[in-house]
Amino acid sequence: MSAHAYISYSDVPNSVIASSRQRVHEETKEMLIAFDDCPLTGVIHDDEGGAQEIEFPFPRAPEIRNSLVGWFMKWSISFQVVT
């Protein structure tokens, strides 16, 4: 995948955060986050301003990509795609 979608951690509703699962990836030491009904696992990063953002791969496969975008829209989460 050559594109990634980014969302602000603060844009995720508290109820969605509360039901999420987080863990540290053993090899990369990155903090991973999985949300109920979200098709992909994200990686939590600090952005340049010090706020947290979540990075998701942005799939080329339309079914998975549309499912991810649909999940963002369901929760009214703004996202940015970077190639």
PDB file of N, CA and C in Angstrom:
ATOM      1  N   MET A   1       0.831  -1.178   0.000  1.00  0.00           N
ATOM      2  CA  MET A   1       0.000   0.000   0.000  1.00  0.00           C
ATOM      3  C   MET A   1       0.875   1.239   0.000  1.00  0.00           C
ATOM      4  N   SER A   2       0.519   2.140  -0.851  1.00  0.00           N
ATOM      5  CA  SER A   2       1.320   3.350  -0.930  1.00  0.00           C
ATOM      6  C   SER A   2       0.614   4.555  -0.330  1.00  0.00           C
ATOM      7  N   ALA A   3      -0.637   4.403   0.061  1.00  0.00           N
ATOM      8  CA  ALA A   3      -1.373   5.511   0.661  1.00  0.00           C
ATOM      9  C   ALA A   3      -1.748   5.172   2.102  1.00  0.00           C
ATOM     10  N   HIS A   4      -1.881   6.234   2.894  1.00  0.00           N
ATOM     11  CA  HIS A   4      -2.276   6.073   4.289  1.00  0.00           C
ATOM     12  C   HIS A   4      -3.348   7.096   4.618  1.00  0.00           C
ATOM     13  N   ALA A   5      -4.280   6.704   5.488  1.00  0.00           N
ATOM     14  CA  ALA A   5      -5.314   7.611   5.981  1.00  0.00           C
ATOM     15  C   ALA A   5      -4.953   7.991   7.410  1.00  0.00           C
ATOM     16  N   TYR A   6      -5.148   9.247   7.739  1.00  0.00           N
ATOM     17  CA  TYR A   6      -4.827   9.756   9.069  1.00  0.00           C
ATOM     18  C   TYR A   6      -6.066  10.384   9.692  1.00  0.00           C
ATOM     19  N   ILE A   7      -6.279  10.085  10.968  1.00  0.00           N
ATOM     20  CA  ILE A   7      -7.341  10.722  11.733  1.00  0.00           C
ATOM     21  C   ILE A   7      -6.742  11.242  13.033  1.00  0.00           C
ATOM     22  N   SER A   8      -7.379  12.244  13.584  1.00  0.00           N
ATOM     23  CA  SER A   8      -6.949  12.767  14.873  1.00  0.00           C
ATOM     24  C   SER A   8      -7.553  11.905  15.979  1.00  0.00           C
ATOM     25  N   TYR A   9      -6.735  11.502  16.919  1.00  0.00           N
ATOM     26  CA  TYR A   9      -7.208  10.697  18.038  1.00  0.00           C
ATOM     27  C   TYR A   9      -8.348  11.415  18.754  1.00  0.00           C
ATOM     28  N   SER A  10      -8.254  12.724  18.868  1.00  0.00           N
ATOM     29  CA  SER A  10      -9.267  13.499  19.586  1.00  0.00           C
ATOM     30  C   SER A  10     -10.605  13.557  18.840  1.00  0.00           C
ATOM     31  N   ASP A  11     -10.629  13.200  17.549  1.00  0.00           N
ATOM     32  CA  ASP A  11     -11.880  13.180  16.785  1.00  0.00           C
ATOM     33  C   ASP A  11     -12.677  11.890  16.994  1.00  0.00           C
ATOM     34  N   VAL A  12     -12.060  10.895  17.599  1.00  0.00           N
ATOM     35  CA  VAL A  12     -12.733   9.617  17.818  1.00  0.00           C
ATOM     36  C   VAL A  12     -13.613   9.757  19.067  1.00  0.00           C
ATOM     37  N   PRO A  13     -14.908   9.436  18.944  1.00  0.00           N
ATOM     38  CA  PRO A  13     -15.790   9.558  20.108  1.00  0.00           C
ATOM     39  C   PRO A  13     -15.302   8.729  21.305  1.00  0.00           C
ATOM     40  N   ASN A  14     -15.524   9.250  22.494  1.00  0.00           N
ATOM     41  CA  ASN A  14     -15.070   8.570  23.716  1.00  0.00           C
ATOM     42  C   ASN A  14     -15.614   7.152  23.828  1.00  0.00           C
ATOM     43  N   SER A  15     -16.856   6.946  23.406  1.00  0.00           N
ATOM     44  CA  SER A  15     -17.433   5.598  23.486  1.00  0.00           C
ATOM     45  C   SER A  15     -16.696   4.619  22.573  1.00  0.00           C
ATOM     46  N   VAL A  16     -16.203   5.106  21.453  1.00  0.00           N
ATOM     47  CA  VAL A  16     -15.458   4.260  20.512  1.00  0.00           C
ATOM     48  C   VAL A  16     -14.064   3.967  21.078  1.00  0.00           C
ATOM     49  N   ILE A  17     -13.445   4.971  21.679  1.00  0.00           N
ATOM     50  CA  ILE A  17     -12.139   4.757  22.327  1.00  0.00           C
ATOM     51  C   ILE A  17     -12.273   3.747  23.468  1.00  0.00           C
ATOM     52  N   ALA A  18     -13.348   3.878  24.243  1.00  0.00           N
ATOM     53  CA  ALA A  18     -13.539   3.014  25.409  1.00  0.00           C
ATOM     54  C   ALA A  18     -13.633   1.534  25.029  1.00  0.00           C
ATOM     55  N   SER A  19     -14.187   1.246  23.853  1.00  0.00           N
ATOM     56  CA  SER A  19     -14.318  -0.155  23.445  1.00  0.00           C
ATOM     57  C   SER A  19     -13.157  -0.628  22.564  1.00  0.00           C
ATOM     58  N   SER A  20     -12.174   0.245  22.341  1.00  0.00           N
ATOM     59  CA  SER A  20     -11.035  -0.136  21.489  1.00  0.00           C
ATOM     60  C   SER A  20     -10.089  -1.069  22.238  1.00  0.00           C
ATOM     61  N   ARG A  21      -9.246  -1.718  21.467  1.00  0.00           N
ATOM     62  CA  ARG A  21      -8.193  -2.557  22.028  1.00  0.00           C
ATOM     63  C   ARG A  21      -6.864  -2.015  21.544  1.00  0.00           C
ATOM     64  N   GLN A  22      -5.936  -1.883  22.494  1.00  0.00           N
ATOM     65  CA  GLN A  22      -4.623  -1.344  22.162  1.00  0.00           C
ATOM     66  C   GLN A  22      -3.542  -2.297  22.645  1.00  0.00           C
ATOM     67  N   ARG A  23      -2.467  -2.336  21.865  1.00  0.00           N
ATOM     68  CA  ARG A  23      -1.316  -3.156  22.270  1.00  0.00           C
ATOM     69  C   ARG A  23      -0.072  -2.626  21.576  1.00  0.00           C
ATOM     70  N   VAL A  24       1.061  -2.965  22.128  1.00  0.00           N
ATOM     71  CA  VAL A  24       2.343  -2.580  21.533  1.00  0.00           C
ATOM     72  C   VAL A  24       2.813  -3.734  20.648  1.00  0.00           C
ATOM     73  N   HIS A  25       3.150  -3.416  19.403  1.00  0.00           N
ATOM     74  CA  HIS A  25       3.677  -4.410  18.471  1.00  0.00           C
ATOM     75  C   HIS A  25       5.045  -4.849  18.979  1.00  0.00           C
ATOM     76  N   GLU A  26       5.256  -6.138  19.117  1.00  0.00           N
ATOM     77  CA  GLU A  26       6.490  -6.657  19.719  1.00  0.00           C
ATOM     78  C   GLU A  26       7.749  -6.240  18.975  1.00  0.00           C
ATOM     79  N   GLU A  27       7.726  -6.256  17.642  1.00  0.00           N
ATOM     80  CA  GLU A  27       8.932  -5.972  16.873  1.00  0.00           C
ATOM     81  C   GLU A  27       9.173  -4.482  16.656  1.00  0.00           C
ATOM     82  N   THR A  28       8.112  -3.761  16.288  1.00  0.00           N
ATOM     83  CA  THR A  28       8.288  -2.346  15.938  1.00  0.00           C
ATOM     84  C   THR A  28       8.130  -1.406  17.125  1.00  0.00           C
ATOM     85  N   LYS A  29       7.530  -1.917  18.198  1.00  0.00           N
ATOM     86  CA  LYS A  29       7.243  -1.124  19.415  1.00  0.00           C
ATOM     87  C   LYS A  29       6.205  -0.034  19.161  1.00  0.00           C
ATOM     88  N   GLU A  30       5.490  -0.111  18.032  1.00  0.00           N
ATOM     89  CA  GLU A  30       4.439   0.858  17.737  1.00  0.00           C
ATOM     90  C   GLU A  30       3.189   0.509  18.538  1.00  0.00           C
ATOM     91  N   MET A  31       2.428   1.537  18.921  1.00  0.00           N
ATOM     92  CA  MET A  31       1.169   1.331  19.621  1.00  0.00           C
ATOM     93  C   MET A  31       0.071   1.115  18.585  1.00  0.00           C
ATOM     94  N   LEU A  32      -0.523  -0.062  18.596  1.00  0.00           N
ATOM     95  CA  LEU A  32      -1.584  -0.407  17.660  1.00  0.00           C
ATOM     96  C   LEU A  32      -2.934  -0.205  18.340  1.00  0.00           C
ATOM     97  N   ILE A  33      -3.949   0.160  17.562  1.00  0.00           N
ATOM     98  CA  ILE A  33      -5.291   0.331  18.089  1.00  0.00           C
ATOM     99  C   ILE A  33      -6.294  -0.295  17.127  1.00  0.00           C
ATOM    100  N   ALA A  34      -7.200  -1.085  17.687  1.00  0.00           N
ATOM    101  CA  ALA A  34      -8.258  -1.720  16.901  1.00  0.00           C
ATOM    102  C   ALA A  34      -9.602  -1.262  17.465  1.00  0.00           C
ATOM    103  N   PHE A  35     -10.501  -0.899  16.563  1.00  0.00           N
ATOM    104  CA  PHE A  35     -11.832  -0.438  16.945  1.00  0.00           C
ATOM    105  C   PHE A  35     -12.872  -1.456  16.508  1.00  0.00           C
ATOM    106  N   ASP A  36     -13.950  -1.562  17.269  1.00  0.00           N
ATOM    107  CA  ASP A  36     -15.057  -2.434  16.884  1.00  0.00           C
ATOM    108  C   ASP A  36     -15.575  -2.033  15.511  1.00  0.00           C
ATOM    109  N   ASP A  37     -15.781  -3.013  14.657  1.00  0.00           N
ATOM    110  CA  ASP A  37     -16.336  -2.845  13.306  1.00  0.00           C
ATOM    111  C   ASP A  37     -15.438  -2.100  12.328  1.00  0.00           C
ATOM    112  N   CYS A  38     -14.251  -1.681  12.744  1.00  0.00           N
ATOM    113  CA  CYS A  38     -13.313  -1.046  11.824  1.00  0.00           C
ATOM    114  C   CYS A  38     -12.524  -2.158  11.127  1.00  0.00           C
ATOM    115  N   PRO A  39     -12.433  -2.120   9.799  1.00  0.00           N
ATOM    116  CA  PRO A  39     -11.799  -3.227   9.082  1.00  0.00           C
ATOM    117  C   PRO A  39     -10.279  -3.310   9.235  1.00  0.00           C
ATOM    118  N   LEU A  40      -9.627  -2.256   9.707  1.00  0.00           N
ATOM    119  CA  LEU A  40      -8.175  -2.251   9.799  1.00  0.00           C
ATOM    120  C   LEU A  40      -7.710  -1.786  11.166  1.00  0.00           C
ATOM    121  N   THR A  41      -6.515  -2.179  11.526  1.00  0.00           N
ATOM    122  CA  THR A  41      -5.877  -1.733  12.760  1.00  0.00           C
ATOM    123  C   THR A  41      -5.040  -0.505  12.454  1.00  0.00           C
ATOM    124  N   GLY A  42      -5.087   0.472  13.344  1.00  0.00           N
ATOM    125  CA  GLY A  42      -4.327   1.693  13.169  1.00  0.00           C
ATOM    126  C   GLY A  42      -3.097   1.733  14.051  1.00  0.00           C
ATOM    127  N   VAL A  43      -2.229   2.692  13.779  1.00  0.00           N
ATOM    128  CA  VAL A  43      -1.018   2.929  14.566  1.00  0.00           C
ATOM    129  C   VAL A  43      -1.123   4.332  15.144  1.00  0.00           C
ATOM    130  N   ILE A  44      -0.948   4.445  16.454  1.00  0.00           N
ATOM    131  CA  ILE A  44      -1.028   5.739  17.116  1.00  0.00           C
ATOM    132  C   ILE A  44       0.344   6.401  17.066  1.00  0.00           C
ATOM    133  N   HIS A  45       0.359   7.651  16.592  1.00  0.00           N
ATOM    134  CA  HIS A  45       1.583   8.456  16.516  1.00  0.00           C
ATOM    135  C   HIS A  45       1.324   9.818  17.141  1.00  0.00           C
ATOM    136  N   ASP A  46       2.393  10.490  17.526  1.00  0.00           N
ATOM    137  CA  ASP A  46       2.300  11.901  17.870  1.00  0.00           C
ATOM    138  C   ASP A  46       2.581  12.687  16.598  1.00  0.00           C
ATOM    139  N   ASP A  47       1.725  13.661  16.272  1.00  0.00           N
ATOM    140  CA  ASP A  47       1.976  14.457  15.078  1.00  0.00           C
ATOM    141  C   ASP A  47       2.971  15.569  15.390  1.00  0.00           C
ATOM    142  N   GLU A  48       3.271  16.384  14.422  1.00  0.00           N
ATOM    143  CA  GLU A  48       4.290  17.426  14.582  1.00  0.00           C
ATOM    144  C   GLU A  48       3.944  18.431  15.674  1.00  0.00           C
ATOM    145  N   GLY A  49       2.638  18.630  15.930  1.00  0.00           N
ATOM    146  CA  GLY A  49       2.211  19.575  16.952  1.00  0.00           C
ATOM    147  C   GLY A  49       2.105  18.957  18.340  1.00  0.00           C
ATOM    148  N   GLY A  50       2.379  17.658  18.454  1.00  0.00           N
ATOM    149  CA  GLY A  50       2.322  16.979  19.742  1.00  0.00           C
ATOM    150  C   GLY A  50       1.000  16.292  20.025  1.00  0.00           C
ATOM    151  N   ALA A  51       0.003  16.477  19.146  1.00  0.00           N
ATOM    152  CA  ALA A  51      -1.276  15.787  19.312  1.00  0.00           C
ATOM    153  C   ALA A  51      -1.150  14.363  18.770  1.00  0.00           C
ATOM    154  N   GLN A  52      -2.040  13.495  19.200  1.00  0.00           N
ATOM    155  CA  GLN A  52      -1.985  12.125  18.706  1.00  0.00           C
ATOM    156  C   GLN A  52      -2.847  11.976  17.461  1.00  0.00           C
ATOM    157  N   GLU A  53      -2.329  11.188  16.528  1.00  0.00           N
ATOM    158  CA  GLU A  53      -3.075  10.846  15.330  1.00  0.00           C
ATOM    159  C   GLU A  53      -2.999   9.339  15.146  1.00  0.00           C
ATOM    160  N   ILE A  54      -3.930   8.823  14.376  1.00  0.00           N
ATOM    161  CA  ILE A  54      -3.962   7.388  14.094  1.00  0.00           C
ATOM    162  C   ILE A  54      -3.788   7.216  12.589  1.00  0.00           C
ATOM    163  N   GLU A  55      -2.843   6.373  12.229  1.00  0.00           N
ATOM    164  CA  GLU A  55      -2.531   6.098  10.827  1.00  0.00           C
ATOM    165  C   GLU A  55      -3.077   4.730  10.443  1.00  0.00           C
ATOM    166  N   PHE A  56      -3.788   4.686   9.330  1.00  0.00           N
ATOM    167  CA  PHE A  56      -4.301   3.435   8.781  1.00  0.00           C
ATOM    168  C   PHE A  56      -3.751   3.255   7.378  1.00  0.00           C
ATOM    169  N   PRO A  57      -3.459   2.027   6.971  1.00  0.00           N
ATOM    170  CA  PRO A  57      -3.168   1.821   5.554  1.00  0.00           C
ATOM    171  C   PRO A  57      -4.439   2.132   4.772  1.00  0.00           C
ATOM    172  N   PHE A  58      -4.319   2.710   3.597  1.00  0.00           N
ATOM    173  CA  PHE A  58      -5.481   3.019   2.759  1.00  0.00           C
ATOM    174  C   PHE A  58      -5.456   2.055   1.587  1.00  0.00           C
ATOM    175  N   PRO A  59      -6.248   0.991   1.675  1.00  0.00           N
ATOM    176  CA  PRO A  59      -6.146  -0.118   0.721  1.00  0.00           C
ATOM    177  C   PRO A  59      -6.499   0.251  -0.716  1.00  0.00           C
ATOM    178  N   ARG A  60      -5.904  -0.470  -1.626  1.00  0.00           N
ATOM    179  CA  ARG A  60      -6.251  -0.328  -3.043  1.00  0.00           C
ATOM    180  C   ARG A  60      -7.527  -1.095  -3.352  1.00  0.00           C
ATOM    181  N   ALA A  61      -7.770  -2.165  -2.589  1.00  0.00           N
ATOM    182  CA  ALA A  61      -8.972  -2.971  -2.803  1.00  0.00           C
ATOM    183  C   ALA A  61     -10.208  -2.147  -2.428  1.00  0.00           C
ATOM    184  N   PRO A  62     -11.118  -1.929  -3.380  1.00  0.00           N
ATOM    185  CA  PRO A  62     -12.260  -1.058  -3.132  1.00  0.00           C
ATOM    186  C   PRO A  62     -13.138  -1.509  -1.958  1.00  0.00           C
ATOM    187  N   GLU A  63     -13.314  -2.810  -1.779  1.00  0.00           N
ATOM    188  CA  GLU A  63     -14.192  -3.293  -0.717  1.00  0.00           C
ATOM    189  C   GLU A  63     -13.666  -2.886   0.661  1.00  0.00           C
ATOM    190  N   ILE A  64     -12.385  -3.082   0.889  1.00  0.00           N
ATOM    191  CA  ILE A  64     -11.800  -2.745   2.193  1.00  0.00           C
ATOM    192  C   ILE A  64     -11.702  -1.235   2.345  1.00  0.00           C
ATOM    193  N   ARG A  65     -11.278  -0.559   1.299  1.00  0.00           N
ATOM    194  CA  ARG A  65     -11.171   0.905   1.339  1.00  0.00           C
ATOM    195  C   ARG A  65     -12.529   1.540   1.642  1.00  0.00           C
ATOM    196  N   ASN A  66     -13.574   1.087   0.950  1.00  0.00           N
ATOM    197  CA  ASN A  66     -14.907   1.631   1.168  1.00  0.00           C
ATOM    198  C   ASN A  66     -15.421   1.314   2.567  1.00  0.00           C
ATOM    199  N   SER A  67     -15.062   0.165   3.079  1.00  0.00           N
ATOM    200  CA  SER A  67     -15.458  -0.196   4.436  1.00  0.00           C
ATOM    201  C   SER A  67     -14.793   0.725   5.460  1.00  0.00           C
ATOM    202  N   LEU A  68     -13.516   1.033   5.254  1.00  0.00           N
ATOM    203  CA  LEU A  68     -12.798   1.942   6.159  1.00  0.00           C
ATOM    204  C   LEU A  68     -13.407   3.343   6.092  1.00  0.00           C
ATOM    205  N   VAL A  69     -13.638   3.848   4.893  1.00  0.00           N
ATOM    206  CA  VAL A  69     -14.233   5.177   4.735  1.00  0.00           C
ATOM    207  C   VAL A  69     -15.636   5.195   5.351  1.00  0.00           C
ATOM    208  N   GLY A  70     -16.377   4.131   5.165  1.00  0.00           N
ATOM    209  CA  GLY A  70     -17.711   4.036   5.759  1.00  0.00           C
ATOM    210  C   GLY A  70     -17.660   4.080   7.281  1.00  0.00           C
ATOM    211  N   TRP A  71     -16.632   3.447   7.862  1.00  0.00           N
ATOM    212  CA  TRP A  71     -16.482   3.479   9.323  1.00  0.00           C
ATOM    213  C   TRP A  71     -16.168   4.901   9.790  1.00  0.00           C
ATOM    214  N   PHE A  72     -15.274   5.598   9.086  1.00  0.00           N
ATOM    215  CA  PHE A  72     -14.991   6.998   9.424  1.00  0.00           C
ATOM    216  C   PHE A  72     -16.279   7.825   9.365  1.00  0.00           C
ATOM    217  N   MET A  73     -17.053   7.641   8.314  1.00  0.00           N
ATOM    218  CA  MET A  73     -18.269   8.429   8.137  1.00  0.00           C
ATOM    219  C   MET A  73     -19.316   8.086   9.204  1.00  0.00           C
ATOM    220  N   LYS A  74     -19.417   6.826   9.556  1.00  0.00           N
ATOM    221  CA  LYS A  74     -20.376   6.404  10.589  1.00  0.00           C
ATOM    222  C   LYS A  74     -20.159   7.187  11.877  1.00  0.00           C
ATOM    223  N   TRP A  75     -18.895   7.417  12.230  1.00  0.00           N
ATOM    224  CA  TRP A  75     -18.563   8.095  13.482  1.00  0.00           C
ATOM    225  C   TRP A  75     -18.234   9.578  13.267  1.00  0.00           C
ATOM    226  N   SER A  76     -18.479  10.094  12.072  1.00  0.00           N
ATOM    227  CA  SER A  76     -18.222  11.514  11.741  1.00  0.00           C
ATOM    228  C   SER A  76     -16.780  11.912  12.036  1.00  0.00           C
ATOM    229  N   ILE A  77     -15.859  11.049  11.640  1.00  0.00           N
ATOM    230  CA  ILE A  77     -14.437  11.294  11.854  1.00  0.00           C
ATOM    231  C   ILE A  77     -13.829  11.826  10.560  1.00  0.00           C
ATOM    232  N   SER A  78     -13.247  13.003  10.636  1.00  0.00           N
ATOM    233  CA  SER A  78     -12.548  13.573   9.490  1.00  0.00           C
ATOM    234  C   SER A  78     -11.266  12.775   9.243  1.00  0.00           C
ATOM    235  N   PHE A  79     -10.912  12.615   7.992  1.00  0.00           N
ATOM    236  CA  PHE A  79      -9.680  11.881   7.675  1.00  0.00           C
ATOM    237  C   PHE A  79      -8.977  12.545   6.510  1.00  0.00           C
ATOM    238  N   GLN A  80      -7.700  12.258   6.422  1.00  0.00           N
ATOM    239  CA  GLN A  80      -6.873  12.767   5.340  1.00  0.00           C
ATOM    240  C   GLN A  80      -6.106  11.591   4.757  1.00  0.00           C
ATOM    241  N   VAL A  81      -6.072  11.496   3.436  1.00  0.00           N
ATOM    242  CA  VAL A  81      -5.337  10.429   2.760  1.00  0.00           C
ATOM    243  C   VAL A  81      -4.087  11.045   2.154  1.00  0.00           C
ATOM    244  N   VAL A  82      -2.946  10.416   2.417  1.00  0.00           N
ATOM    245  CA  VAL A  82      -1.659  10.878   1.906  1.00  0.00           C
ATOM    246  C   VAL A  82      -1.042   9.739   1.090  1.00  0.00           C
ATOM    247  N   THR A  83      -0.577  10.086  -0.112  1.00  0.00           N
ATOM    248  CA  THR A  83       0.053   9.074  -0.965  1.00  0.00           C
ATOM    249  C   THR A  83       1.549   9.252  -0.957  1.00  0.00           C
TER     250      THR A  83
END
